[in-house]
């Protein structure tokens, strides 16, 4: 039984059946394939969000005009961005190592 069927056959009354193809290609036939496809989209988007957080923190630091409270807020934003970057890299490496252990992908790189 196919739970992730990507093709639907519709038969009309007098003619040949029509096949409607799903949006996923043949490499996505399991949950591991879906996760692999999602990581190819999620990781670059997380990197872009991280870039905007760092730019926003730098901008806030520049316009703080020496105000200690604003500088502390901007430094906290930059620190959060750096911690997010470390977590992004760690999560990427962990998913690649798990993929290598279970044979779901190419491995770490």
Protein backbone atom coordinates (compact mmCIF):
# COMPACT_ATOMS: atom_id res chain seq x y z
CA UNK A 1 0.00 0.00 0.00
CA UNK A 2 1.39 3.40 -0.96
CA UNK A 3 0.80 6.02 1.70
CA UNK A 4 2.71 8.76 -0.12
CA UNK A 5 1.20 8.20 -3.54
CA UNK A 6 2.19 10.87 -6.01
CA UNK A 7 0.10 9.77 -8.94
CA UNK A 8 -3.64 9.51 -9.34
CA UNK A 9 -5.27 7.58 -12.15
CA UNK A 10 -8.66 8.91 -13.23
CA UNK A 11 -10.62 6.83 -15.68
CA UNK A 12 -13.24 8.50 -17.82
CA UNK A 13 -16.23 6.70 -19.26
CA UNK A 14 -15.09 5.72 -22.70
CA UNK A 15 -11.46 6.59 -23.02
CA UNK A 16 -8.10 5.93 -21.61
CA UNK A 17 -7.33 6.75 -17.99
CA UNK A 18 -5.73 10.08 -17.20
CA UNK A 19 -2.86 10.21 -14.75
CA UNK A 20 -2.31 13.25 -12.53
CA UNK A 21 1.26 13.52 -11.23
CA UNK A 22 2.03 14.90 -7.78
CA UNK A 23 4.50 17.71 -7.04
CA UNK A 24 7.22 15.46 -5.57
CA UNK A 25 9.66 13.58 -7.76
CA UNK A 26 10.58 9.89 -7.64
CA UNK A 27 13.28 10.38 -4.95
CA UNK A 28 10.59 11.13 -2.36
CA UNK A 29 9.08 7.79 -1.52
CA UNK A 30 9.47 7.79 2.25
CA UNK A 31 9.47 10.05 5.28
CA UNK A 32 13.27 10.31 5.05
CA UNK A 33 12.97 11.67 1.50
CA UNK A 34 10.48 14.30 2.64
CA UNK A 35 12.78 15.39 5.47
CA UNK A 36 15.74 15.56 3.10
CA UNK A 37 13.77 17.76 0.69
CA UNK A 38 12.58 19.99 3.55
CA UNK A 39 16.11 20.46 4.89
CA UNK A 40 17.21 21.68 1.48
CA UNK A 41 14.73 24.55 1.92
CA UNK A 42 14.75 25.15 5.68
CA UNK A 43 18.51 25.49 6.18
CA UNK A 44 19.06 28.29 3.62
CA UNK A 45 15.97 30.13 4.90
CA UNK A 46 17.31 29.91 8.47
CA UNK A 47 20.61 31.34 7.24
CA UNK A 48 18.82 34.27 5.60
CA UNK A 49 16.83 34.98 8.77
CA UNK A 50 20.07 34.81 10.75
CA UNK A 51 21.68 37.34 8.41
CA UNK A 52 18.79 39.76 8.92
CA UNK A 53 18.99 39.36 12.71
CA UNK A 54 22.70 40.19 12.65
CA UNK A 55 22.14 43.18 10.35
CA UNK A 56 19.31 44.42 12.57
CA UNK A 57 21.45 44.07 15.70
CA UNK A 58 24.31 45.94 14.05
CA UNK A 59 21.98 48.70 12.92
CA UNK A 60 20.50 49.02 16.41
CA UNK A 61 24.01 49.22 17.85
CA UNK A 62 24.99 51.98 15.43
CA UNK A 63 21.93 54.12 16.15
CA UNK A 64 22.08 53.63 19.94
CA UNK A 65 23.98 56.94 20.27
CA UNK A 66 25.79 55.75 23.39
CA UNK A 67 22.57 54.96 25.27
CA UNK A 68 23.50 52.04 27.53
CA UNK A 69 20.05 50.43 27.41
CA UNK A 70 19.88 50.48 23.61
CA UNK A 71 23.45 49.20 23.33
CA UNK A 72 22.66 46.32 25.69
CA UNK A 73 19.58 45.44 23.63
CA UNK A 74 21.57 45.52 20.38
CA UNK A 75 24.34 43.38 21.87
CA UNK A 76 21.74 40.88 23.06
CA UNK A 77 20.33 40.71 19.53
CA UNK A 78 23.79 40.11 18.04
CA UNK A 79 24.53 37.49 20.70
CA UNK A 80 21.25 35.75 19.91
CA UNK A 81 22.20 35.75 16.23
CA UNK A 82 25.59 34.17 16.94
CA UNK A 83 24.01 31.54 19.18
CA UNK A 84 21.45 30.88 16.43
CA UNK A 85 24.28 30.44 13.93
CA UNK A 86 25.97 27.90 16.20
CA UNK A 87 22.69 26.03 16.66
CA UNK A 88 22.09 26.08 12.89
CA UNK A 89 25.49 24.53 12.18
CA UNK A 90 25.07 22.00 15.01
CA UNK A 91 21.62 20.94 13.82
CA UNK A 92 22.90 20.55 10.25
CA UNK A 93 25.78 18.35 11.39
CA UNK A 94 23.57 16.29 13.71
CA UNK A 95 21.03 15.59 10.96
CA UNK A 96 23.82 14.61 8.56
CA UNK A 97 25.39 12.28 11.14
CA UNK A 98 22.02 10.66 11.85
CA UNK A 99 21.48 10.27 8.11
CA UNK A 100 24.87 8.58 7.83
CA UNK A 101 24.11 6.22 10.72
CA UNK A 102 20.72 5.15 9.37
CA UNK A 103 21.75 5.19 5.71
CA UNK A 104 19.27 7.87 4.66
CA UNK A 105 21.64 10.15 2.81
CA UNK A 106 25.14 10.76 1.59
CA UNK A 107 26.59 11.36 5.03
CA UNK A 108 28.10 14.46 6.59
CA UNK A 109 29.09 16.36 3.45
